[in-house]
Amino acid sequence: MLREEHPGAGTPRLALLAHHSCPAGLTVATSDLAKLTAIIRTSQRPKSIGRLLKSIRRHYPGLKTLVADDGTEPTPCKQTEYFRLPSQKGLASAYNALLARVRTPYFLVLDEQAEIHRETRLETLVELVASDRLDLAGGSLVASRRKWWFFTTRKPLALHGLLEIAGDRLTQLPGSRSQGEGFWWCDFVTNFFIARTDRIRSLGGWDPELHDEPLEEFFVRAQRRGIRVGIQSAASVWLWDEVIQEKGYEPQHDHLSLAVAKMGLEEMTNLDGRVIRAPRISRAA
């Protein structure tokens, strides 16, 4: 059950942060937010990154934010630490470059198409890692789509789950394992989570050879290394869908097959039932 407090009018912003609603059993320390850095990769979606940064400034104006841009056309971002990467370097390389610049104990991964809102509750996820209950605490995504000019539909997305490995086959299963203190145990989440900087650095970050599809291999490696992963769906961001601007953009080929091989497996079945097999050369080897 969630408990929500409503501070009075005129309450300073830092006090407001300390009063955001949190699941029972969690005590949020406002000072922990100063120990957090948001990392964002942007590529060919100027409208999306603009909306996300605006929402951060509105709801968490003191949050340190890093943006890496590997688009074919640069999208300079104001009021944040922005840097360019070589064109189409990939999500994994962008995350690694961002992680290398983090100077806080915890970092927040945000998809560039996300938008923070008044009930995002970043404090909830910060507390889970700051209290050493989890190494990586994920929130939920809510798909948002505007219809006409005045009506918006929102639908929660179930993108966290379990990793079941039997022999050389991996199956992603929806849901969670069991309840922890203020969260549910799981094996993987999506691109909205807060993690301990030192733990992810010791893991080696994301595999750059997997370009835009490093998450499956990242979480399998995290599981094998004992990274504690959990989900707290009370923390959420809205996710909008914006088509990449096509000028000069060349989509990368599917790297999931390579990811399966790198995991030392023969095949993987993901959440939507798609079966991805390792390249034949890898299987033969």
Foldseek 3Di string as FASTA:
>chain_A
DKDADDDDPPDDLLVVLQRQIAPPPFHFDSVLQVLEEEEEEDEQCLVLLVQAVVLCCVNPVPHAYEYEYQYPDDRDDPPHHYDYDHHLLFDQVSFVVRLVPRPGQKYWFDYSQWHDDNQQNPRRQSRCVVVVVFQKEFEWEWEWDDDDDPDIDTHTDQAFFAWDDDPQEIETDTDADQDDRRWGWHQFGDRTMMGGSVLCVVLVGFDSVQGHPGRVLSSLSCVVVVGTYTYRHSRYIYGYDDDRDDVVDDDDDHSVLVSSLVSVHAWYQYPVRDIHGHDPVSVVD
